[in-house]
Amino acid sequence: MARLNKSSSNAEILAVLNETADAVGAVLRANTDWSLSGLRDTQYSVDLRADAAGLEALRGAGVAVLSEESQLTGVFGDDDLCVVLDPLDGSTNASRGVPWFATALCAIDKNGMRAGLVVNQANGHDRYWATAGGGAFHNGAAMRPSGCVDLGEAVVGISGIPKQRPRWNQFRAFGAATLDLCLVADGVIDAWIDFYTHGVWDYLASALICQEAGAQIVDHQDRSLVVHEHAQRRTPIAAATAELLASVRRIRGQQN
């Protein structure tokens, strides 16, 4: 695997992210053990094995890693790259046979996001990616949001449950935030609302994909989505247009 540093091109970085997702995918395809790890609630043994495969690949590339499962590995200084990793987003889906779970990776430096990749590991071929300034793609086709501006016409993805039924057209709860957000970027759904909070590994790759596709994505409290610490949490909301984002923001604000 190629060695990376801050001077590496975004294309070189993306190639390493793809190789890493492939290494994780091999572990997931071979897995037959859906026992819990016993280390924390809802963590499966395969989460740790998938994480180990991702870490091995990324250590070979010489980058720091901020992972849901293993926190920060390596040093992330001003001249370094760090890859934010969720080896298995949607592990409960995977354990129950719901074909909607992913590996998500986003490379950052101290100036922001460089490249992001989300791979639907349920089928192994749906790949969503973006590079800073280079656009967003689904299996090589350029991604564009739906253009929906009216909440009453919108199909909205959610994580968690709102206190009251908002006046959207329909909603969907898929169970894997990284993939869900890619659907906004790709125009499949019109918006997405986090009614909980999420770690940076759950959304960062998809945030770059949304931005490069032209979708709107923010933290509902207007904090930076790019965080460097494992304990930090954000509440991302996304929409196809600025008009729809304003409606989504009001919905999320009513839950406080």
Protein backbone atom coordinates (compact mmCIF):
# COMPACT_ATOMS: atom_id res chain seq x y z
CA MET A 1 0.00 0.00 0.00
CA ALA A 2 1.25 3.49 -0.84
CA ARG A 3 2.60 5.68 1.95
CA LEU A 4 0.68 8.90 2.43
CA ASN A 5 1.45 12.32 3.83
CA LYS A 6 -0.13 15.75 3.72
CA SER A 7 1.44 16.38 0.29
CA SER A 8 -0.18 13.28 -1.25
CA SER A 9 -2.78 13.97 -3.92
CA ASN A 10 -6.44 13.43 -3.15
CA ALA A 11 -6.51 10.69 -5.77
CA GLU A 12 -3.67 8.88 -3.99
CA ILE A 13 -5.49 9.22 -0.69
CA LEU A 14 -8.73 7.88 -2.19
CA ALA A 15 -6.91 4.85 -3.55
CA VAL A 16 -5.72 3.97 -0.05
CA LEU A 17 -9.24 4.41 1.33
CA ASN A 18 -10.54 1.96 -1.28
CA GLU A 19 -7.86 -0.59 -0.40
CA THR A 20 -8.73 -0.24 3.27
CA ALA A 21 -12.45 -0.72 2.63
CA ASP A 22 -11.61 -3.85 0.64
CA ALA A 23 -9.61 -5.26 3.57
CA VAL A 24 -12.50 -4.61 5.93
CA GLY A 25 -14.98 -6.08 3.45
CA ALA A 26 -13.03 -9.34 3.33
CA VAL A 27 -13.44 -9.69 7.10
CA LEU A 28 -17.14 -8.95 6.94
CA ARG A 29 -17.83 -11.39 4.12
CA ALA A 30 -16.08 -14.18 6.02
CA ASN A 31 -17.83 -13.46 9.32
CA THR A 32 -20.24 -15.95 10.90
CA ASP A 33 -19.91 -14.76 14.51
CA TRP A 34 -22.41 -12.14 15.59
CA SER A 35 -21.72 -12.39 19.31
CA LEU A 36 -21.29 -9.19 21.29
CA SER A 37 -17.76 -8.19 22.25
CA GLY A 38 -18.64 -7.65 25.91
CA LEU A 39 -16.57 -4.47 25.97
CA ARG A 40 -19.36 -1.95 25.41
CA ASP A 41 -23.07 -2.00 24.61
CA THR A 42 -24.01 -2.94 21.04
CA GLN A 43 -20.39 -3.64 20.02
CA TYR A 44 -20.04 -6.92 18.15
CA SER A 45 -16.93 -9.10 18.05
CA VAL A 46 -16.78 -8.55 14.31
CA ASP A 47 -16.59 -4.79 14.87
CA LEU A 48 -13.20 -5.38 16.47
CA ARG A 49 -11.99 -7.71 13.74
CA ALA A 50 -13.09 -5.29 11.05
CA ASP A 51 -11.37 -2.46 12.88
CA ALA A 52 -8.15 -4.45 13.14
CA ALA A 53 -8.16 -5.02 9.37
CA GLY A 54 -8.72 -1.32 8.73
CA LEU A 55 -5.98 -0.29 11.16
CA GLU A 56 -3.49 -2.70 9.61
CA ALA A 57 -4.10 -1.26 6.16
CA LEU A 58 -3.93 2.36 7.28
CA ARG A 59 -0.83 1.83 9.42
CA GLY A 60 0.81 0.55 6.26
CA ALA A 61 -0.05 3.89 4.65
CA GLY A 62 1.58 5.79 7.51
CA VAL A 63 -1.43 7.80 8.64
CA ALA A 64 -3.05 8.40 12.01
CA VAL A 65 -6.47 6.80 12.49
CA LEU A 66 -9.44 8.00 14.52
CA SER A 67 -11.76 5.00 14.75
CA GLU A 68 -15.04 4.38 16.51
CA GLU A 69 -13.66 1.12 17.91
CA SER A 70 -10.05 1.96 18.80
CA GLN A 71 -10.03 5.75 19.23
CA LEU A 72 -6.85 7.54 18.06
CA THR A 73 -3.93 5.51 16.74
CA GLY A 74 -0.78 7.38 15.72
CA VAL A 75 0.05 11.09 15.82
CA PHE A 76 -2.05 13.76 14.14
CA GLY A 77 0.05 16.89 13.91
CA ASP A 78 -0.01 19.92 11.63
CA ASP A 79 1.81 18.09 8.84
CA ASP A 80 -0.02 14.77 9.16
CA LEU A 81 -3.00 13.03 7.67
CA CYS A 82 -5.62 11.30 9.78
CA VAL A 83 -8.27 8.88 8.54
CA VAL A 84 -11.57 8.87 10.39
CA LEU A 85 -12.81 5.28 10.26
CA ASP A 86 -16.06 3.47 10.93
CA PRO A 87 -15.30 -0.13 9.98
CA LEU A 88 -18.90 -1.26 10.29
CA ASP A 89 -21.67 1.34 10.39
CA GLY A 90 -25.04 -0.38 10.76
CA SER A 91 -23.75 -3.41 12.66
CA THR A 92 -27.20 -4.24 13.99
CA ASN A 93 -28.51 -4.25 10.42
CA ALA A 94 -25.67 -6.58 9.46
CA SER A 95 -26.32 -8.89 12.40
CA ARG A 96 -29.99 -9.20 11.45
CA GLY A 97 -29.47 -9.64 7.73
CA VAL A 98 -30.67 -6.16 6.74
CA PRO A 99 -28.62 -5.32 3.62
CA TRP A 100 -27.72 -1.78 4.61
CA PHE A 101 -24.36 -1.47 6.38
CA ALA A 102 -21.12 0.18 5.41
CA THR A 103 -17.47 0.98 5.91
CA ALA A 104 -16.83 4.72 5.97
CA LEU A 105 -13.48 6.51 5.76
CA CYS A 106 -12.60 10.19 5.57
CA ALA A 107 -9.05 11.52 5.31
CA ILE A 108 -8.44 14.89 6.94
CA ASP A 109 -5.56 17.21 7.58
CA LYS A 110 -5.55 20.19 9.90
CA ASN A 111 -7.12 22.30 7.11
CA GLY A 112 -10.15 20.02 6.68
CA MET A 113 -11.46 17.10 4.66
CA ARG A 114 -9.47 15.70 1.75
CA ALA A 115 -11.22 12.52 0.58
CA GLY A 116 -14.19 10.46 1.71
CA LEU A 117 -15.45 6.97 0.85
CA VAL A 118 -18.54 5.01 1.89
CA VAL A 119 -18.87 1.39 0.73
CA ASN A 120 -22.10 -0.55 1.11
CA GLN A 121 -20.59 -3.78 2.40
CA ALA A 122 -23.93 -5.59 2.11
CA ASN A 123 -23.45 -5.82 -1.65
CA GLY A 124 -19.78 -4.87 -1.94
CA HIS A 125 -20.16 -2.78 -5.09
CA ASP A 126 -22.06 0.39 -4.17
CA ARG A 127 -19.34 2.93 -3.55
CA TYR A 128 -19.86 6.61 -2.83
CA TRP A 129 -16.84 8.90 -2.82
CA ALA A 130 -15.69 12.48 -3.01
CA THR A 131 -12.49 14.50 -2.96
CA ALA A 132 -12.20 18.11 -1.91
CA GLY A 133 -12.94 20.21 -4.97
CA GLY A 134 -13.25 17.11 -7.15
CA GLY A 135 -16.96 16.32 -7.02
CA ALA A 136 -18.90 13.37 -5.63
CA PHE A 137 -19.57 10.05 -7.35
CA HIS A 138 -21.64 6.88 -6.96
CA ASN A 139 -19.97 4.01 -8.81
CA GLY A 140 -18.38 6.56 -11.13
CA ALA A 141 -21.53 8.58 -11.89
CA ALA A 142 -21.65 12.17 -10.68
CA MET A 143 -24.01 12.66 -7.75
CA ARG A 144 -26.60 15.42 -7.50
CA PRO A 145 -29.27 16.07 -4.85
CA SER A 146 -32.95 16.06 -5.76
CA GLY A 147 -33.56 19.80 -5.74
CA CYS A 148 -36.59 19.47 -3.44
CA VAL A 149 -37.48 22.73 -1.66
CA ASP A 150 -40.86 21.91 -0.10
CA LEU A 151 -41.02 19.88 3.12
CA GLY A 152 -44.54 18.78 2.23
CA GLU A 153 -43.16 16.99 -0.83
CA ALA A 154 -40.01 15.63 0.82
CA VAL A 155 -39.02 12.09 1.71
CA VAL A 156 -36.86 12.47 4.81
CA GLY A 157 -34.47 9.95 6.34
CA ILE A 158 -34.18 9.90 10.12
CA SER A 159 -32.07 8.49 12.92
CA GLY A 160 -34.09 8.38 16.12
CA ILE A 161 -37.70 9.38 16.67
CA PRO A 162 -39.17 12.92 16.66
CA LYS A 163 -41.42 13.99 19.53
CA GLN A 164 -44.22 14.79 17.12
CA ARG A 165 -44.90 14.03 13.47
CA PRO A 166 -43.39 16.74 11.29
CA ARG A 167 -45.22 17.87 8.16
CA TRP A 168 -43.03 16.03 5.71
CA ASN A 169 -44.45 13.89 2.94
CA GLN A 170 -42.88 10.59 4.05
CA PHE A 171 -39.96 9.40 6.16
CA ARG A 172 -37.54 6.48 6.18
CA ALA A 173 -35.33 5.02 8.95
CA PHE A 174 -32.62 2.89 7.36
CA GLY A 175 -30.21 2.39 10.27
CA ALA A 176 -26.78 3.34 8.87
CA ALA A 177 -26.09 7.08 8.97
CA THR A 178 -23.12 7.00 6.59
CA LEU A 179 -25.16 5.39 3.84
CA ASP A 180 -28.32 7.35 4.65
CA LEU A 181 -26.56 10.66 4.09
CA CYS A 182 -25.20 9.46 0.76
CA LEU A 183 -28.81 9.03 -0.39
CA VAL A 184 -29.34 12.77 0.13
CA ALA A 185 -26.26 13.53 -1.98
CA ASP A 186 -27.51 11.16 -4.67
CA GLY A 187 -31.06 12.54 -4.85
CA VAL A 188 -32.68 9.32 -3.59
CA ILE A 189 -34.11 10.97 -0.48
CA ASP A 190 -34.51 14.69 0.00
CA ALA A 191 -33.22 15.26 3.54
CA TRP A 192 -31.92 13.52 6.66
CA ILE A 193 -32.26 14.40 10.34
CA ASP A 194 -30.28 13.11 13.31
CA PHE A 195 -32.58 13.06 16.33
CA TYR A 196 -29.74 11.71 18.50
CA THR A 197 -26.07 12.65 18.28
CA HIS A 198 -23.31 10.88 16.36
CA GLY A 199 -19.56 10.47 16.45
CA VAL A 200 -17.51 11.95 13.65
CA TRP A 201 -16.95 8.50 12.08
CA ASP A 202 -20.72 8.21 11.52
CA TYR A 203 -21.01 11.18 9.18
CA LEU A 204 -17.74 12.79 8.09
CA ALA A 205 -17.12 10.87 4.86
CA SER A 206 -20.75 11.46 3.91
CA ALA A 207 -20.50 15.15 4.81
CA LEU A 208 -17.77 15.62 2.20
CA ILE A 209 -19.81 13.62 -0.30
CA CYS A 210 -22.87 15.79 0.35
CA GLN A 211 -20.88 19.01 0.04
CA GLU A 212 -19.20 17.97 -3.20
CA ALA A 213 -22.54 16.82 -4.66
CA GLY A 214 -24.14 20.18 -3.87
CA ALA A 215 -26.33 19.09 -0.96
CA GLN A 216 -26.53 21.07 2.26
CA ILE A 217 -25.17 19.52 5.48
CA VAL A 218 -24.58 21.20 8.84
CA ASP A 219 -24.58 20.49 12.53
CA HIS A 220 -27.94 21.66 13.81
CA GLN A 221 -26.15 23.85 16.41
CA ASP A 222 -23.82 25.22 13.70
CA ARG A 223 -20.69 23.65 15.19
CA SER A 224 -17.94 22.44 12.90
CA LEU A 225 -18.58 18.91 11.62
CA VAL A 226 -14.84 18.25 11.46
CA VAL A 227 -13.73 17.17 14.94
CA HIS A 228 -10.53 15.48 16.04
CA GLU A 229 -11.48 13.94 19.37
CA HIS A 230 -13.21 10.60 19.94
CA ALA A 231 -15.53 11.91 22.67
CA GLN A 232 -16.95 14.79 20.63
CA ARG A 233 -20.47 14.41 19.23
CA ARG A 234 -22.45 16.31 16.61
CA THR A 235 -26.02 16.34 15.31
CA PRO A 236 -25.85 16.46 11.50
CA ILE A 237 -28.80 17.45 9.35
CA ALA A 238 -28.77 17.42 5.56
CA ALA A 239 -31.04 18.51 2.75
CA ALA A 240 -31.12 18.82 -1.01
CA THR A 241 -31.50 22.62 -0.95
CA ALA A 242 -31.04 25.57 1.38
CA GLU A 243 -34.81 26.05 1.49
CA LEU A 244 -35.42 22.48 2.62
CA LEU A 245 -32.53 22.69 5.09
CA ALA A 246 -34.28 25.61 6.80
CA SER A 247 -37.37 23.44 7.28
CA VAL A 248 -35.29 20.52 8.53
CA ARG A 249 -33.47 22.81 10.95
CA ARG A 250 -36.78 23.95 12.44
CA ILE A 251 -37.90 20.35 12.90
CA ARG A 252 -34.70 19.43 14.72
CA GLY A 253 -34.83 22.58 16.84
CA GLN A 254 -38.31 21.67 18.08
CA GLN A 255 -36.94 18.51 19.70
CA ASN A 256 -34.83 20.32 22.32
